[in-house]
Amino acid sequence: MRGRTIGLYGDTGSGKTTQGGAFAKAKRIKDGKRTRYVGGDLGGYGSIAPMERAGFLDVVEFDETAAKDPWSWVNDQTSGKTLAEDIGLVIFDSATSISEAILTAITKTPGQVGQQKTQRFSVASGLVIGANNESHYGLVQSFMLDQIWRSTWLATKGIDVLWTFGLDRSEKADASLVVGPKLAGRALTTQIPKWFQYFFRMVSIPVLGQPARHLLYLQEQPDLNGT
């Protein structure tokens, strides 16, 4: 049986990680399968940590070692090289954070990456400061789209694949608004959803005196600003 490919995008705190945990729990109950959680988000995975303690959530976090070579780290995770046979779902949380980690790594890389030179300088303490240029963003976006595509090959083995994305609100040259999943500093509204069978947006709505409402949209909805 072929697995499913799913994307979730939304603002920080909208419930993407928690929703991924709900999927992991359903996978455990229905199929008896465990979940691999690939965490690159600095917000952590506290909302689903009890599942790790229960033994059906296998966690791989972006750490200091991964930061030295994020390109290879991502490639290893999307290839499924280290997946156990009882893994039925892989959650990548989130593509936005992982792409930003790669951008940060580029600023610390000696030499030129892409078509333009990186602006780098050292302060008195030996700390190296760098800034990304336009070619870096395009390079990282292309790399991440390729990695997302590679990860969907896991579906041919019957494994479900879930990626989360932050939300970007930006303005095009004609002043029209674009709202979509964020990857390496830009909303790739038209490109990203086509890589998935299912692609949903999540939102968090504040409620006075009560916990916020978390909504998962299953069909098109207007943005709060009317988009």
N, C-alpha and C. Protein backbone atom coordinates (compact mmCIF):
# COMPACT_ATOMS: atom_id res chain seq x y z
N MET A 1 0.85 -1.20 0.00
CA MET A 1 0.00 0.00 0.00
C MET A 1 0.88 1.24 0.00
N ARG A 2 0.59 2.17 -0.89
CA ARG A 2 1.39 3.38 -1.02
C ARG A 2 1.06 4.37 0.10
N GLY A 3 2.10 5.06 0.61
CA GLY A 3 1.90 6.05 1.65
C GLY A 3 1.38 7.36 1.08
N ARG A 4 1.04 8.26 1.97
CA ARG A 4 0.51 9.57 1.58
C ARG A 4 1.56 10.65 1.81
N THR A 5 1.50 11.72 1.04
CA THR A 5 2.38 12.87 1.22
C THR A 5 1.52 14.07 1.58
N ILE A 6 1.85 14.69 2.70
CA ILE A 6 1.01 15.75 3.26
C ILE A 6 1.86 16.95 3.64
N GLY A 7 1.34 18.15 3.40
CA GLY A 7 2.00 19.37 3.81
C GLY A 7 1.08 20.19 4.70
N LEU A 8 1.63 20.79 5.75
CA LEU A 8 0.89 21.69 6.63
C LEU A 8 1.65 23.01 6.70
N TYR A 9 0.96 24.14 6.58
CA TYR A 9 1.64 25.41 6.75
C TYR A 9 0.81 26.36 7.58
N GLY A 10 1.48 27.23 8.30
CA GLY A 10 0.78 28.18 9.16
C GLY A 10 1.75 28.95 10.01
N ASP A 11 1.24 29.96 10.70
CA ASP A 11 2.07 30.77 11.59
C ASP A 11 2.60 29.94 12.75
N THR A 12 3.63 30.44 13.40
CA THR A 12 4.14 29.81 14.61
C THR A 12 3.03 29.76 15.66
N GLY A 13 2.84 28.60 16.27
CA GLY A 13 1.80 28.45 17.28
C GLY A 13 0.45 28.05 16.73
N SER A 14 0.36 27.82 15.43
CA SER A 14 -0.94 27.47 14.85
C SER A 14 -1.31 26.01 15.10
N GLY A 15 -0.35 25.20 15.55
CA GLY A 15 -0.67 23.81 15.91
C GLY A 15 -0.15 22.76 14.94
N LYS A 16 0.81 23.12 14.11
CA LYS A 16 1.30 22.17 13.10
C LYS A 16 1.96 20.95 13.74
N THR A 17 2.82 21.19 14.73
CA THR A 17 3.50 20.08 15.39
C THR A 17 2.50 19.20 16.13
N THR A 18 1.55 19.82 16.82
CA THR A 18 0.54 19.07 17.54
C THR A 18 -0.31 18.23 16.59
N GLN A 19 -0.63 18.79 15.43
CA GLN A 19 -1.40 18.05 14.43
C GLN A 19 -0.59 16.86 13.92
N GLY A 20 0.72 17.07 13.74
CA GLY A 20 1.58 15.95 13.36
C GLY A 20 1.55 14.85 14.40
N GLY A 21 1.52 15.25 15.68
CA GLY A 21 1.43 14.28 16.76
C GLY A 21 0.12 13.50 16.72
N ALA A 22 -0.96 14.18 16.36
CA ALA A 22 -2.26 13.50 16.25
C ALA A 22 -2.21 12.44 15.13
N PHE A 23 -1.50 12.77 14.06
CA PHE A 23 -1.33 11.83 12.96
C PHE A 23 -0.51 10.63 13.43
N ALA A 24 0.55 10.90 14.22
CA ALA A 24 1.40 9.82 14.74
C ALA A 24 0.61 8.89 15.64
N LYS A 25 -0.25 9.47 16.47
CA LYS A 25 -1.07 8.65 17.37
C LYS A 25 -2.04 7.78 16.57
N ALA A 26 -2.66 8.37 15.54
CA ALA A 26 -3.59 7.60 14.71
C ALA A 26 -2.86 6.48 13.98
N LYS A 27 -1.63 6.76 13.55
CA LYS A 27 -0.83 5.75 12.85
C LYS A 27 -0.52 4.58 13.77
N ARG A 28 -0.25 4.89 15.02
CA ARG A 28 0.05 3.85 16.01
C ARG A 28 -1.18 2.99 16.29
N ILE A 29 -2.33 3.64 16.46
CA ILE A 29 -3.56 2.92 16.79
C ILE A 29 -4.04 2.08 15.62
N LYS A 30 -4.01 2.65 14.42
CA LYS A 30 -4.57 1.96 13.25
C LYS A 30 -3.63 0.88 12.69
N ASP A 31 -2.35 1.23 12.54
CA ASP A 31 -1.42 0.33 11.86
C ASP A 31 -0.35 -0.27 12.77
N GLY A 32 -0.29 0.18 14.03
CA GLY A 32 0.74 -0.33 14.93
C GLY A 32 2.13 0.16 14.58
N LYS A 33 2.23 1.25 13.82
CA LYS A 33 3.52 1.75 13.34
C LYS A 33 4.02 2.91 14.21
N ARG A 34 5.33 3.03 14.29
CA ARG A 34 5.95 4.15 14.98
C ARG A 34 6.21 5.29 13.99
N THR A 35 6.56 6.46 14.54
CA THR A 35 6.78 7.66 13.73
C THR A 35 8.20 8.18 13.94
N ARG A 36 8.86 8.59 12.86
CA ARG A 36 10.15 9.29 12.95
C ARG A 36 9.85 10.79 12.87
N TYR A 37 10.29 11.52 13.89
CA TYR A 37 10.12 12.97 13.93
C TYR A 37 11.47 13.62 13.67
N VAL A 38 11.60 14.31 12.54
CA VAL A 38 12.82 15.01 12.18
C VAL A 38 12.63 16.48 12.54
N GLY A 39 13.24 16.90 13.63
CA GLY A 39 12.99 18.23 14.16
C GLY A 39 14.07 19.23 13.84
N GLY A 40 13.71 20.24 13.07
CA GLY A 40 14.63 21.33 12.79
C GLY A 40 14.12 22.64 13.33
N ASP A 41 12.96 22.60 13.99
CA ASP A 41 12.31 23.81 14.46
C ASP A 41 12.82 24.16 15.86
N LEU A 42 13.26 25.41 16.04
CA LEU A 42 13.77 25.84 17.33
C LEU A 42 12.68 25.84 18.40
N GLY A 43 11.42 25.82 17.98
CA GLY A 43 10.33 25.79 18.95
C GLY A 43 10.21 24.46 19.66
N GLY A 44 10.92 23.45 19.16
CA GLY A 44 10.90 22.15 19.82
C GLY A 44 9.64 21.36 19.53
N TYR A 45 9.50 20.25 20.26
CA TYR A 45 8.37 19.36 20.04
C TYR A 45 7.70 18.98 21.36
N GLY A 46 7.70 19.93 22.29
CA GLY A 46 7.16 19.67 23.62
C GLY A 46 5.73 19.15 23.63
N SER A 47 4.91 19.61 22.66
CA SER A 47 3.50 19.21 22.65
C SER A 47 3.31 17.74 22.34
N ILE A 48 4.32 17.10 21.73
CA ILE A 48 4.19 15.69 21.39
C ILE A 48 5.26 14.83 22.07
N ALA A 49 6.03 15.42 22.99
CA ALA A 49 7.08 14.69 23.69
C ALA A 49 6.57 13.45 24.44
N PRO A 50 5.35 13.47 25.01
CA PRO A 50 4.86 12.26 25.68
C PRO A 50 4.84 11.03 24.77
N MET A 51 4.70 11.24 23.46
CA MET A 51 4.70 10.11 22.53
C MET A 51 6.08 9.48 22.42
N GLU A 52 7.11 10.32 22.59
CA GLU A 52 8.47 9.78 22.60
C GLU A 52 8.67 8.92 23.83
N ARG A 53 8.18 9.40 24.97
CA ARG A 53 8.32 8.62 26.20
C ARG A 53 7.51 7.33 26.14
N ALA A 54 6.41 7.37 25.38
CA ALA A 54 5.57 6.18 25.24
C ALA A 54 6.19 5.15 24.29
N GLY A 55 7.21 5.57 23.53
CA GLY A 55 7.95 4.64 22.71
C GLY A 55 7.56 4.53 21.26
N PHE A 56 6.59 5.36 20.80
CA PHE A 56 6.23 5.24 19.39
C PHE A 56 6.58 6.49 18.58
N LEU A 57 7.43 7.36 19.16
CA LEU A 57 7.94 8.52 18.44
C LEU A 57 9.46 8.50 18.51
N ASP A 58 10.09 8.31 17.36
CA ASP A 58 11.55 8.26 17.25
C ASP A 58 12.02 9.65 16.81
N VAL A 59 12.78 10.34 17.67
CA VAL A 59 13.13 11.74 17.43
C VAL A 59 14.57 11.89 16.96
N VAL A 60 14.74 12.65 15.86
CA VAL A 60 16.06 13.06 15.38
C VAL A 60 16.03 14.58 15.30
N GLU A 61 16.81 15.24 16.13
CA GLU A 61 16.81 16.70 16.17
C GLU A 61 18.02 17.30 15.48
N PHE A 62 17.81 18.50 14.95
CA PHE A 62 18.91 19.28 14.36
C PHE A 62 19.78 19.76 15.51
N ASP A 63 21.04 19.29 15.55
CA ASP A 63 21.93 19.63 16.65
C ASP A 63 23.21 20.28 16.14
N GLU A 64 24.20 20.39 17.01
CA GLU A 64 25.45 21.05 16.66
C GLU A 64 26.17 20.33 15.53
N THR A 65 26.11 18.99 15.55
CA THR A 65 26.75 18.22 14.49
C THR A 65 26.07 18.47 13.15
N ALA A 66 24.74 18.49 13.17
CA ALA A 66 23.99 18.74 11.94
C ALA A 66 24.26 20.14 11.41
N ALA A 67 24.46 21.10 12.31
CA ALA A 67 24.68 22.48 11.90
C ALA A 67 25.97 22.64 11.10
N LYS A 68 26.95 21.74 11.32
CA LYS A 68 28.21 21.82 10.59
C LYS A 68 28.04 21.41 9.13
N ASP A 69 27.10 20.52 8.86
CA ASP A 69 26.85 20.08 7.48
C ASP A 69 25.36 19.79 7.30
N PRO A 70 24.53 20.83 7.30
CA PRO A 70 23.08 20.63 7.20
C PRO A 70 22.65 20.00 5.89
N TRP A 71 23.43 20.22 4.82
CA TRP A 71 23.10 19.63 3.53
C TRP A 71 23.03 18.11 3.63
N SER A 72 24.08 17.51 4.16
CA SER A 72 24.14 16.05 4.29
C SER A 72 23.12 15.53 5.31
N TRP A 73 22.94 16.30 6.38
CA TRP A 73 21.98 15.89 7.41
C TRP A 73 20.58 15.76 6.82
N VAL A 74 20.16 16.75 6.06
CA VAL A 74 18.83 16.71 5.43
C VAL A 74 18.75 15.55 4.45
N ASN A 75 19.80 15.39 3.65
CA ASN A 75 19.82 14.34 2.65
C ASN A 75 19.69 12.95 3.29
N ASP A 76 20.37 12.74 4.41
CA ASP A 76 20.28 11.45 5.11
C ASP A 76 18.86 11.18 5.59
N GLN A 77 18.19 12.24 6.08
CA GLN A 77 16.84 12.05 6.61
C GLN A 77 15.82 11.79 5.50
N THR A 78 15.93 12.51 4.39
CA THR A 78 14.95 12.32 3.32
C THR A 78 15.15 11.01 2.58
N SER A 79 16.37 10.47 2.63
CA SER A 79 16.63 9.19 1.95
C SER A 79 16.08 8.01 2.73
N GLY A 80 15.82 8.21 4.04
CA GLY A 80 15.30 7.11 4.84
C GLY A 80 16.34 6.07 5.19
N LYS A 81 17.63 6.44 5.14
CA LYS A 81 18.70 5.47 5.37
C LYS A 81 18.63 4.84 6.76
N THR A 82 18.22 5.61 7.75
CA THR A 82 18.27 5.12 9.13
C THR A 82 16.90 4.73 9.68
N LEU A 83 15.92 4.58 8.81
CA LEU A 83 14.57 4.26 9.28
C LEU A 83 14.46 2.78 9.65
N ALA A 84 13.87 2.53 10.80
CA ALA A 84 13.59 1.15 11.21
C ALA A 84 12.40 0.62 10.42
N GLU A 85 12.25 -0.69 10.40
CA GLU A 85 11.19 -1.31 9.59
C GLU A 85 9.78 -1.01 10.10
N ASP A 86 9.67 -0.63 11.38
CA ASP A 86 8.34 -0.39 11.93
C ASP A 86 7.93 1.08 11.88
N ILE A 87 8.67 1.90 11.13
CA ILE A 87 8.31 3.32 10.96
C ILE A 87 7.27 3.44 9.85
N GLY A 88 6.12 4.03 10.18
CA GLY A 88 5.06 4.18 9.20
C GLY A 88 4.78 5.62 8.81
N LEU A 89 5.44 6.57 9.51
CA LEU A 89 5.23 8.00 9.25
C LEU A 89 6.52 8.74 9.55
N VAL A 90 6.90 9.67 8.67
CA VAL A 90 8.05 10.55 8.92
C VAL A 90 7.55 11.98 8.88
N ILE A 91 7.82 12.73 9.96
CA ILE A 91 7.43 14.13 10.06
C ILE A 91 8.68 15.00 9.97
N PHE A 92 8.71 15.92 8.99
CA PHE A 92 9.80 16.88 8.86
C PHE A 92 9.28 18.23 9.35
N ASP A 93 9.79 18.68 10.49
CA ASP A 93 9.24 19.86 11.17
C ASP A 93 10.37 20.83 11.53
N SER A 94 10.62 21.90 10.77
CA SER A 94 9.85 22.27 9.60
C SER A 94 10.82 22.59 8.46
N ALA A 95 10.31 22.59 7.23
CA ALA A 95 11.12 22.92 6.07
C ALA A 95 11.63 24.36 6.15
N THR A 96 10.84 25.23 6.73
CA THR A 96 11.24 26.63 6.86
C THR A 96 12.47 26.76 7.75
N SER A 97 12.44 26.11 8.91
CA SER A 97 13.56 26.19 9.85
C SER A 97 14.82 25.53 9.28
N ILE A 98 14.64 24.39 8.62
CA ILE A 98 15.79 23.70 8.04
C ILE A 98 16.45 24.55 6.96
N SER A 99 15.63 25.17 6.11
CA SER A 99 16.19 26.01 5.04
C SER A 99 16.92 27.21 5.63
N GLU A 100 16.42 27.76 6.72
CA GLU A 100 17.08 28.91 7.35
C GLU A 100 18.38 28.48 8.02
N ALA A 101 18.43 27.24 8.53
CA ALA A 101 19.67 26.73 9.11
C ALA A 101 20.74 26.58 8.03
N ILE A 102 20.34 26.16 6.84
CA ILE A 102 21.29 26.02 5.74
C ILE A 102 21.80 27.40 5.30
N LEU A 103 20.91 28.38 5.26
CA LEU A 103 21.32 29.74 4.91
C LEU A 103 22.36 30.25 5.92
N THR A 104 22.13 29.96 7.20
CA THR A 104 23.08 30.38 8.23
C THR A 104 24.43 29.69 8.03
N ALA A 105 24.39 28.40 7.69
CA ALA A 105 25.63 27.65 7.47
C ALA A 105 26.43 28.22 6.30
N ILE A 106 25.73 28.71 5.28
CA ILE A 106 26.41 29.28 4.11
C ILE A 106 27.23 30.51 4.51
N THR A 107 26.69 31.33 5.41
CA THR A 107 27.41 32.54 5.81
C THR A 107 28.71 32.22 6.56
N LYS A 108 28.82 31.00 7.07
CA LYS A 108 30.02 30.60 7.82
C LYS A 108 30.96 29.75 6.98
N THR A 109 30.59 29.50 5.72
CA THR A 109 31.39 28.64 4.85
C THR A 109 32.50 29.44 4.18
N PRO A 110 33.75 29.01 4.35
CA PRO A 110 34.84 29.70 3.65
C PRO A 110 34.68 29.55 2.13
N GLY A 111 35.04 30.57 1.40
CA GLY A 111 34.92 30.48 -0.04
C GLY A 111 33.56 30.92 -0.54
N GLN A 112 33.36 30.80 -1.84
CA GLN A 112 32.15 31.28 -2.48
C GLN A 112 31.13 30.17 -2.66
N VAL A 113 29.89 30.45 -2.31
CA VAL A 113 28.77 29.52 -2.52
C VAL A 113 27.79 30.20 -3.47
N GLY A 114 27.53 29.61 -4.63
CA GLY A 114 26.66 30.24 -5.61
C GLY A 114 27.43 31.22 -6.49
N GLN A 115 26.69 32.10 -7.16
CA GLN A 115 27.29 33.00 -8.14
C GLN A 115 27.82 34.29 -7.54
N GLN A 116 27.45 34.59 -6.30
CA GLN A 116 27.88 35.83 -5.68
C GLN A 116 28.68 35.53 -4.42
N LYS A 117 29.63 36.39 -4.11
CA LYS A 117 30.45 36.19 -2.92
C LYS A 117 29.67 36.53 -1.65
N THR A 118 29.94 35.76 -0.61
CA THR A 118 29.31 36.01 0.68
C THR A 118 30.03 37.15 1.39
N GLN A 119 29.26 38.03 1.99
CA GLN A 119 29.86 39.11 2.78
C GLN A 119 30.20 38.54 4.15
N ARG A 120 31.49 38.45 4.46
CA ARG A 120 31.95 37.89 5.71
C ARG A 120 33.03 38.76 6.31
N PHE A 121 33.04 38.88 7.65
CA PHE A 121 34.13 39.57 8.31
C PHE A 121 34.23 39.04 9.74
N SER A 122 35.39 39.18 10.33
CA SER A 122 35.64 38.71 11.69
C SER A 122 35.74 39.89 12.64
N VAL A 123 35.14 39.74 13.80
CA VAL A 123 35.24 40.76 14.83
C VAL A 123 36.46 40.45 15.69
N ALA A 124 36.76 41.32 16.63
CA ALA A 124 37.99 41.19 17.41
C ALA A 124 38.09 39.87 18.16
N SER A 125 36.98 39.33 18.61
CA SER A 125 37.00 38.11 19.40
C SER A 125 37.18 36.86 18.55
N GLY A 126 37.23 37.04 17.22
CA GLY A 126 37.36 35.89 16.33
C GLY A 126 36.02 35.40 15.81
N LEU A 127 34.94 36.04 16.24
CA LEU A 127 33.60 35.66 15.78
C LEU A 127 33.43 36.09 14.33
N VAL A 128 32.97 35.15 13.48
CA VAL A 128 32.77 35.43 12.07
C VAL A 128 31.33 35.85 11.81
N ILE A 129 31.14 36.97 11.16
CA ILE A 129 29.82 37.48 10.82
C ILE A 129 29.64 37.39 9.31
N GLY A 130 28.49 36.92 8.86
CA GLY A 130 28.25 36.82 7.43
C GLY A 130 26.83 37.18 7.07
N ALA A 131 26.61 37.47 5.80
CA ALA A 131 25.28 37.82 5.32
C ALA A 131 25.00 37.07 4.02
N ASN A 132 23.77 36.63 3.84
CA ASN A 132 23.39 35.92 2.63
C ASN A 132 23.14 36.90 1.49
N ASN A 133 23.29 36.40 0.26
CA ASN A 133 22.95 37.21 -0.91
C ASN A 133 21.83 36.51 -1.69
N GLU A 134 21.38 37.15 -2.73
CA GLU A 134 20.21 36.65 -3.48
C GLU A 134 20.41 35.25 -4.04
N SER A 135 21.61 34.94 -4.52
CA SER A 135 21.84 33.63 -5.11
C SER A 135 21.73 32.51 -4.08
N HIS A 136 22.05 32.82 -2.81
CA HIS A 136 21.96 31.81 -1.76
C HIS A 136 20.52 31.35 -1.57
N TYR A 137 19.59 32.30 -1.58
CA TYR A 137 18.19 31.95 -1.37
C TYR A 137 17.68 31.02 -2.47
N GLY A 138 18.01 31.35 -3.72
CA GLY A 138 17.58 30.49 -4.82
C GLY A 138 18.20 29.11 -4.75
N LEU A 139 19.47 29.06 -4.35
CA LEU A 139 20.18 27.78 -4.23
C LEU A 139 19.53 26.91 -3.16
N VAL A 140 19.25 27.49 -2.00
CA VAL A 140 18.67 26.72 -0.90
C VAL A 140 17.24 26.29 -1.22
N GLN A 141 16.48 27.17 -1.87
CA GLN A 141 15.12 26.79 -2.26
C GLN A 141 15.13 25.61 -3.22
N SER A 142 16.02 25.63 -4.19
CA SER A 142 16.12 24.52 -5.14
C SER A 142 16.52 23.23 -4.43
N PHE A 143 17.49 23.35 -3.52
CA PHE A 143 17.94 22.17 -2.78
C PHE A 143 16.81 21.58 -1.93
N MET A 144 16.08 22.45 -1.24
CA MET A 144 15.01 21.96 -0.36
C MET A 144 13.86 21.35 -1.16
N LEU A 145 13.52 21.94 -2.30
CA LEU A 145 12.47 21.35 -3.14
C LEU A 145 12.89 19.97 -3.62
N ASP A 146 14.17 19.82 -3.94
CA ASP A 146 14.69 18.52 -4.35
C ASP A 146 14.61 17.52 -3.19
N GLN A 147 14.91 17.98 -1.97
CA GLN A 147 14.85 17.09 -0.81
C GLN A 147 13.41 16.69 -0.49
N ILE A 148 12.49 17.62 -0.65
CA ILE A 148 11.07 17.29 -0.43
C ILE A 148 10.63 16.24 -1.44
N TRP A 149 11.05 16.41 -2.67
CA TRP A 149 10.72 15.44 -3.71
C TRP A 149 11.31 14.08 -3.38
N ARG A 150 12.58 14.05 -2.94
CA ARG A 150 13.23 12.79 -2.57
C ARG A 150 12.47 12.09 -1.44
N SER A 151 12.02 12.87 -0.48
CA SER A 151 11.32 12.27 0.67
C SER A 151 10.02 11.59 0.26
N THR A 152 9.40 12.06 -0.82
CA THR A 152 8.14 11.45 -1.25
C THR A 152 8.37 10.04 -1.81
N TRP A 153 9.62 9.70 -2.11
CA TRP A 153 9.90 8.33 -2.55
C TRP A 153 9.61 7.34 -1.42
N LEU A 154 9.65 7.81 -0.18
CA LEU A 154 9.35 6.92 0.95
C LEU A 154 7.92 6.40 0.87
N ALA A 155 7.07 7.18 0.19
CA ALA A 155 5.66 6.77 0.06
C ALA A 155 5.54 5.49 -0.76
N THR A 156 6.48 5.24 -1.65
CA THR A 156 6.43 4.01 -2.45
C THR A 156 6.68 2.78 -1.58
N LYS A 157 7.25 3.01 -0.38
CA LYS A 157 7.49 1.91 0.56
C LYS A 157 6.36 1.78 1.58
N GLY A 158 5.29 2.55 1.37
CA GLY A 158 4.16 2.49 2.28
C GLY A 158 4.27 3.41 3.48
N ILE A 159 5.25 4.34 3.45
CA ILE A 159 5.46 5.26 4.56
C ILE A 159 4.79 6.60 4.26
N ASP A 160 4.02 7.12 5.21
CA ASP A 160 3.43 8.44 5.07
C ASP A 160 4.49 9.50 5.36
N VAL A 161 4.45 10.61 4.62
CA VAL A 161 5.43 11.68 4.77
C VAL A 161 4.69 13.00 5.03
N LEU A 162 5.09 13.68 6.10
CA LEU A 162 4.46 14.96 6.46
C LEU A 162 5.54 16.02 6.62
N TRP A 163 5.40 17.13 5.88
CA TRP A 163 6.27 18.29 6.02
C TRP A 163 5.47 19.46 6.56
N THR A 164 6.07 20.25 7.46
CA THR A 164 5.43 21.47 7.92
C THR A 164 6.22 22.68 7.39
N PHE A 165 5.51 23.80 7.25
CA PHE A 165 6.10 25.05 6.74
C PHE A 165 5.56 26.22 7.55
N GLY A 166 6.40 27.23 7.73
CA GLY A 166 5.92 28.47 8.28
C GLY A 166 5.10 29.21 7.24
N LEU A 167 4.49 30.32 7.63
CA LEU A 167 3.65 31.08 6.72
C LEU A 167 4.32 32.42 6.41
N ASP A 168 4.28 32.81 5.14
CA ASP A 168 4.86 34.06 4.71
C ASP A 168 3.81 34.94 4.07
N ARG A 169 3.78 36.18 4.47
CA ARG A 169 2.92 37.18 3.83
C ARG A 169 3.84 38.22 3.19
N SER A 170 3.81 38.29 1.88
CA SER A 170 4.70 39.22 1.19
C SER A 170 3.94 39.96 0.10
N GLU A 171 4.61 40.93 -0.48
CA GLU A 171 3.99 41.78 -1.50
C GLU A 171 4.75 41.64 -2.81
N LYS A 172 4.03 41.40 -3.89
CA LYS A 172 4.65 41.29 -5.21
C LYS A 172 4.92 42.69 -5.77
N ALA A 173 5.57 42.71 -6.94
CA ALA A 173 5.94 43.99 -7.55
C ALA A 173 4.72 44.86 -7.84
N ASP A 174 3.57 44.22 -8.12
CA ASP A 174 2.37 45.00 -8.43
C ASP A 174 1.57 45.35 -7.18
N ALA A 175 2.19 45.15 -6.00
CA ALA A 175 1.60 45.48 -4.70
C ALA A 175 0.52 44.50 -4.27
N SER A 176 0.30 43.43 -5.02
CA SER A 176 -0.66 42.42 -4.60
C SER A 176 -0.03 41.53 -3.53
N LEU A 177 -0.85 41.02 -2.62
CA LEU A 177 -0.35 40.22 -1.50
C LEU A 177 -0.24 38.75 -1.88
N VAL A 178 0.78 38.10 -1.34
CA VAL A 178 0.96 36.67 -1.51
C VAL A 178 1.03 36.03 -0.13
N VAL A 179 0.20 35.05 0.12
CA VAL A 179 0.20 34.33 1.38
C VAL A 179 0.46 32.86 1.06
N GLY A 180 1.48 32.29 1.66
CA GLY A 180 1.77 30.90 1.35
C GLY A 180 2.85 30.30 2.21
N PRO A 181 3.20 29.05 1.96
CA PRO A 181 4.24 28.36 2.73
C PRO A 181 5.60 29.00 2.48
N LYS A 182 6.34 29.20 3.56
CA LYS A 182 7.62 29.91 3.49
C LYS A 182 8.78 28.92 3.38
N LEU A 183 9.68 29.20 2.46
CA LEU A 183 10.87 28.38 2.29
C LEU A 183 12.05 29.29 1.97
N ALA A 184 13.03 29.32 2.87
CA ALA A 184 14.23 30.14 2.67
C ALA A 184 13.88 31.59 2.37
N GLY A 185 13.04 32.18 3.20
CA GLY A 185 12.77 33.60 3.11
C GLY A 185 11.73 34.06 2.14
N ARG A 186 11.02 33.11 1.47
CA ARG A 186 10.05 33.54 0.47
C ARG A 186 8.86 32.60 0.44
N ALA A 187 7.70 33.14 0.10
CA ALA A 187 6.51 32.31 -0.05
C ALA A 187 6.52 31.64 -1.42
N LEU A 188 6.57 30.31 -1.41
CA LEU A 188 6.53 29.56 -2.68
C LEU A 188 5.13 28.94 -2.81
N THR A 189 4.15 29.82 -2.96
CA THR A 189 2.75 29.41 -2.94
C THR A 189 2.40 28.44 -4.07
N THR A 190 2.92 28.69 -5.25
CA THR A 190 2.55 27.84 -6.38
C THR A 190 3.41 26.60 -6.50
N GLN A 191 4.67 26.67 -6.06
CA GLN A 191 5.58 25.54 -6.26
C GLN A 191 5.38 24.42 -5.25
N ILE A 192 5.31 24.77 -3.96
CA ILE A 192 5.34 23.73 -2.92
C ILE A 192 4.14 22.79 -2.93
N PRO A 193 2.90 23.27 -2.98
CA PRO A 193 1.76 22.34 -2.88
C PRO A 193 1.75 21.24 -3.94
N LYS A 194 2.33 21.47 -5.11
CA LYS A 194 2.25 20.45 -6.16
C LYS A 194 3.10 19.22 -5.84
N TRP A 195 3.97 19.32 -4.82
CA TRP A 195 4.79 18.17 -4.45
C TRP A 195 4.05 17.22 -3.51
N PHE A 196 2.85 17.59 -3.08
CA PHE A 196 2.12 16.80 -2.09
C PHE A 196 0.75 16.37 -2.61
N GLN A 197 0.29 15.24 -2.10
CA GLN A 197 -1.08 14.82 -2.41
C GLN A 197 -2.09 15.69 -1.68
N TYR A 198 -1.75 16.07 -0.46
CA TYR A 198 -2.65 16.88 0.36
C TYR A 198 -1.85 18.04 0.94
N PHE A 199 -2.44 19.23 0.91
CA PHE A 199 -1.75 20.40 1.43
C PHE A 199 -2.76 21.30 2.15
N PHE A 200 -2.54 21.52 3.45
CA PHE A 200 -3.51 22.23 4.28
C PHE A 200 -2.88 23.40 5.01
N ARG A 201 -3.71 24.37 5.30
CA ARG A 201 -3.27 25.50 6.12
C ARG A 201 -3.87 25.40 7.51
N MET A 202 -3.07 25.78 8.52
CA MET A 202 -3.54 25.82 9.90
C MET A 202 -3.46 27.25 10.42
N VAL A 203 -4.43 27.63 11.23
CA VAL A 203 -4.44 28.97 11.83
C VAL A 203 -4.79 28.87 13.30
N SER A 204 -4.35 29.86 14.03
CA SER A 204 -4.69 29.98 15.45
C SER A 204 -5.46 31.27 15.64
N ILE A 205 -6.65 31.18 16.21
CA ILE A 205 -7.51 32.35 16.40
C ILE A 205 -7.62 32.66 17.90
N PRO A 206 -7.13 33.82 18.35
CA PRO A 206 -7.21 34.17 19.77
C PRO A 206 -8.67 34.32 20.21
N VAL A 207 -8.95 33.84 21.41
CA VAL A 207 -10.28 33.97 22.00
C VAL A 207 -10.12 34.59 23.38
N LEU A 208 -10.78 35.71 23.63
CA LEU A 208 -10.63 36.44 24.89
C LEU A 208 -11.02 35.56 26.08
N GLY A 209 -10.09 35.39 27.00
CA GLY A 209 -10.37 34.65 28.23
C GLY A 209 -10.42 33.14 28.06
N GLN A 210 -10.09 32.65 26.87
CA GLN A 210 -10.14 31.21 26.61
C GLN A 210 -8.91 30.79 25.79
N PRO A 211 -8.63 29.48 25.75
CA PRO A 211 -7.54 29.02 24.90
C PRO A 211 -7.82 29.36 23.44
N ALA A 212 -6.78 29.60 22.68
CA ALA A 212 -6.93 29.92 21.26
C ALA A 212 -7.57 28.75 20.51
N ARG A 213 -8.29 29.07 19.45
CA ARG A 213 -8.87 28.04 18.59
C ARG A 213 -7.89 27.71 17.48
N HIS A 214 -7.63 26.42 17.28
CA HIS A 214 -6.73 25.97 16.21
C HIS A 214 -7.57 25.33 15.11
N LEU A 215 -7.45 25.86 13.90
CA LEU A 215 -8.27 25.39 12.80
C LEU A 215 -7.40 24.79 11.69
N LEU A 216 -7.86 23.69 11.13
CA LEU A 216 -7.22 23.06 9.98
C LEU A 216 -8.18 23.22 8.81
N TYR A 217 -7.78 24.02 7.81
CA TYR A 217 -8.64 24.28 6.67
C TYR A 217 -8.51 23.16 5.64
N LEU A 218 -9.64 22.58 5.29
CA LEU A 218 -9.67 21.50 4.30
C LEU A 218 -10.08 22.00 2.93
N GLN A 219 -10.40 23.28 2.82
CA GLN A 219 -10.74 23.88 1.53
C GLN A 219 -10.30 25.34 1.55
N GLU A 220 -10.37 26.00 0.41
CA GLU A 220 -9.89 27.38 0.32
C GLU A 220 -10.68 28.30 1.27
N GLN A 221 -9.93 29.19 1.93
CA GLN A 221 -10.52 30.15 2.84
C GLN A 221 -9.81 31.49 2.65
N PRO A 222 -10.53 32.60 2.83
CA PRO A 222 -9.87 33.91 2.73
C PRO A 222 -8.96 34.13 3.92
N ASP A 223 -7.83 34.80 3.69
CA ASP A 223 -6.93 35.16 4.77
C ASP A 223 -7.59 36.24 5.61
N LEU A 224 -7.07 36.44 6.82
CA LEU A 224 -7.67 37.46 7.70
C LEU A 224 -7.60 38.85 7.10
N ASN A 225 -6.63 39.09 6.20
CA ASN A 225 -6.52 40.41 5.56
C ASN A 225 -7.32 40.47 4.25
N GLY A 226 -8.11 39.44 3.97
CA GLY A 226 -8.96 39.46 2.79
C GLY A 226 -8.39 38.77 1.58
N THR A 227 -7.13 38.32 1.65
CA THR A 227 -6.52 37.64 0.51
C THR A 227 -7.17 36.29 0.26
